[in-house]
Amino acid sequence: MTSCETDNSDDVLNNSSDLSYSYGTESIDIEGIKNSGETLFDSDVIPNKDIAVEYAKIIMSGTLKKDINNYKVIDVVFDKNQGIWNVNFCIDRDTIGGNIDIILSQKTGEVKLICFGE
């Protein structure tokens, strides 16, 4: 793991308040962390529909680069048997291909599937 030091060497805008973390690439030993004796979070990452929607909005804007202001949530479904949330967005105007479904794991928060539809 890393220490709690801040490295702002990549701060090209000279705005250290926005870069309060360091970034690196390295191998992460998940099993080692699990077995380290540290306290692990053991609840659902996405316990309710409101958090599912907020999480899906982050995926929409950050990962898919969609302007979330152009979309509205039209449906949120929880599949109790599979432990997954389906958050369905629709573009806020008539168009083909304006629906996006983001399916998330309740337990881990993992993005299980992103589907673009009509």
Protein backbone atom coordinates (compact mmCIF):
# COMPACT_ATOMS: atom_id res chain seq x y z
CA MET A 1 0.00 0.00 0.00
CA THR A 2 1.05 3.63 -0.11
CA SER A 3 1.82 6.14 2.58
CA CYS A 4 -0.31 9.22 3.22
CA GLU A 5 2.05 11.60 1.45
CA THR A 6 0.93 13.96 -1.31
CA ASP A 7 2.78 14.21 -4.62
CA ASN A 8 1.64 17.16 -6.71
CA SER A 9 4.42 16.88 -9.30
CA ASP A 10 1.84 16.44 -12.09
CA ASP A 11 0.02 19.64 -11.11
CA VAL A 12 0.36 21.54 -14.39
CA LEU A 13 -2.25 24.09 -13.33
CA ASN A 14 -0.40 24.79 -10.08
CA ASN A 15 -3.58 24.06 -8.16
CA SER A 16 -2.53 21.65 -5.42
CA SER A 17 -5.96 21.75 -3.75
CA ASP A 18 -7.34 19.67 -6.65
CA LEU A 19 -4.50 17.12 -6.54
CA SER A 20 -4.38 15.92 -2.97
CA TYR A 21 -3.35 12.39 -3.88
CA SER A 22 -0.52 10.64 -5.61
CA TYR A 23 -0.90 8.33 -8.58
CA GLY A 24 1.14 5.31 -9.48
CA THR A 25 0.94 1.98 -11.20
CA GLU A 26 1.86 -1.15 -9.33
CA SER A 27 0.60 -4.60 -8.50
CA ILE A 28 -2.07 -4.67 -5.77
CA ASP A 29 -2.20 -7.82 -3.64
CA ILE A 30 -5.92 -8.15 -2.82
CA GLU A 31 -5.50 -11.45 -0.97
CA GLY A 32 -2.65 -9.97 1.06
CA ILE A 33 -4.83 -7.03 2.05
CA LYS A 34 -7.71 -9.37 2.97
CA ASN A 35 -5.37 -11.44 5.16
CA SER A 36 -3.52 -8.48 6.70
CA GLY A 37 -5.75 -8.17 9.75
CA GLU A 38 -7.00 -4.76 8.64
CA THR A 39 -10.69 -4.03 9.20
CA LEU A 40 -12.55 -4.65 5.96
CA PHE A 41 -15.82 -3.06 4.84
CA ASP A 42 -18.37 -5.86 4.88
CA SER A 43 -21.65 -4.18 3.94
CA ASP A 44 -23.27 -3.54 0.58
CA VAL A 45 -21.49 -0.84 -1.42
CA ILE A 46 -24.81 0.08 -3.08
CA PRO A 47 -27.46 -0.53 -0.40
CA ASN A 48 -30.33 1.49 -1.90
CA LYS A 49 -31.75 3.03 -5.06
CA ASP A 50 -30.50 6.55 -4.32
CA ILE A 51 -26.88 5.42 -4.09
CA ALA A 52 -27.36 3.25 -7.21
CA VAL A 53 -28.52 6.32 -9.15
CA GLU A 54 -25.64 8.50 -7.90
CA TYR A 55 -23.09 5.80 -8.68
CA ALA A 56 -24.57 5.33 -12.19
CA LYS A 57 -24.42 9.11 -12.77
CA ILE A 58 -20.70 9.04 -11.98
CA ILE A 59 -20.26 6.27 -14.57
CA MET A 60 -22.31 8.27 -17.10
CA SER A 61 -20.32 11.47 -16.76
CA GLY A 62 -16.86 10.19 -15.84
CA THR A 63 -16.50 6.98 -17.81
CA LEU A 64 -18.95 7.42 -20.69
CA LYS A 65 -18.31 11.19 -20.98
CA LYS A 66 -22.04 11.89 -21.27
CA ASP A 67 -23.48 15.23 -20.15
CA ILE A 68 -25.70 14.00 -17.34
CA ASN A 69 -27.85 17.13 -17.74
CA ASN A 70 -29.06 15.73 -21.08
CA TYR A 71 -30.31 12.49 -19.47
CA LYS A 72 -32.96 11.58 -16.97
CA VAL A 73 -33.33 8.45 -14.88
CA ILE A 74 -36.47 6.70 -16.05
CA ASP A 75 -36.24 3.41 -14.18
CA VAL A 76 -34.35 1.81 -11.29
CA VAL A 77 -34.79 -1.93 -10.78
CA PHE A 78 -33.32 -4.12 -8.06
CA ASP A 79 -32.98 -7.84 -8.79
CA LYS A 80 -33.00 -9.39 -5.33
CA ASN A 81 -32.01 -12.87 -6.60
CA GLN A 82 -28.87 -11.62 -8.36
CA GLY A 83 -28.09 -8.70 -6.04
CA ILE A 84 -27.86 -6.21 -8.90
CA TRP A 85 -29.23 -2.76 -9.66
CA ASN A 86 -30.27 -1.66 -13.16
CA VAL A 87 -30.34 2.11 -13.58
CA ASN A 88 -31.91 3.15 -16.89
CA PHE A 89 -31.23 6.57 -18.35
CA CYS A 90 -33.02 8.15 -21.30
CA ILE A 91 -31.78 11.09 -23.30
CA ASP A 92 -34.05 14.03 -22.62
CA ARG A 93 -35.23 14.39 -26.26
CA ASP A 94 -36.56 12.21 -29.08
CA THR A 95 -33.70 10.26 -30.62
CA ILE A 96 -32.76 6.72 -31.54
CA GLY A 97 -30.26 5.08 -29.22
CA GLY A 98 -30.90 7.41 -26.32
CA ASN A 99 -31.28 4.78 -23.57
CA ILE A 100 -28.39 3.63 -21.42
CA ASP A 101 -28.67 0.85 -18.82
CA ILE A 102 -26.00 0.59 -16.15
CA ILE A 103 -26.09 -2.62 -14.14
CA LEU A 104 -24.27 -2.58 -10.81
CA SER A 105 -23.48 -5.16 -8.13
CA GLN A 106 -25.16 -4.34 -4.83
CA LYS A 107 -22.44 -6.03 -2.78
CA THR A 108 -19.27 -4.77 -4.50
CA GLY A 109 -20.35 -1.79 -6.61
CA GLU A 110 -18.85 -3.51 -9.67
CA VAL A 111 -20.17 -2.35 -13.02
CA LYS A 112 -21.57 -5.60 -14.40
CA LEU A 113 -22.81 -4.28 -17.73
CA ILE A 114 -23.39 -1.08 -19.71
CA CYS A 115 -25.95 -1.35 -22.48
CA PHE A 116 -26.81 1.25 -25.14
CA GLY A 117 -30.28 0.88 -26.61
CA GLU A 118 -33.22 2.59 -28.23
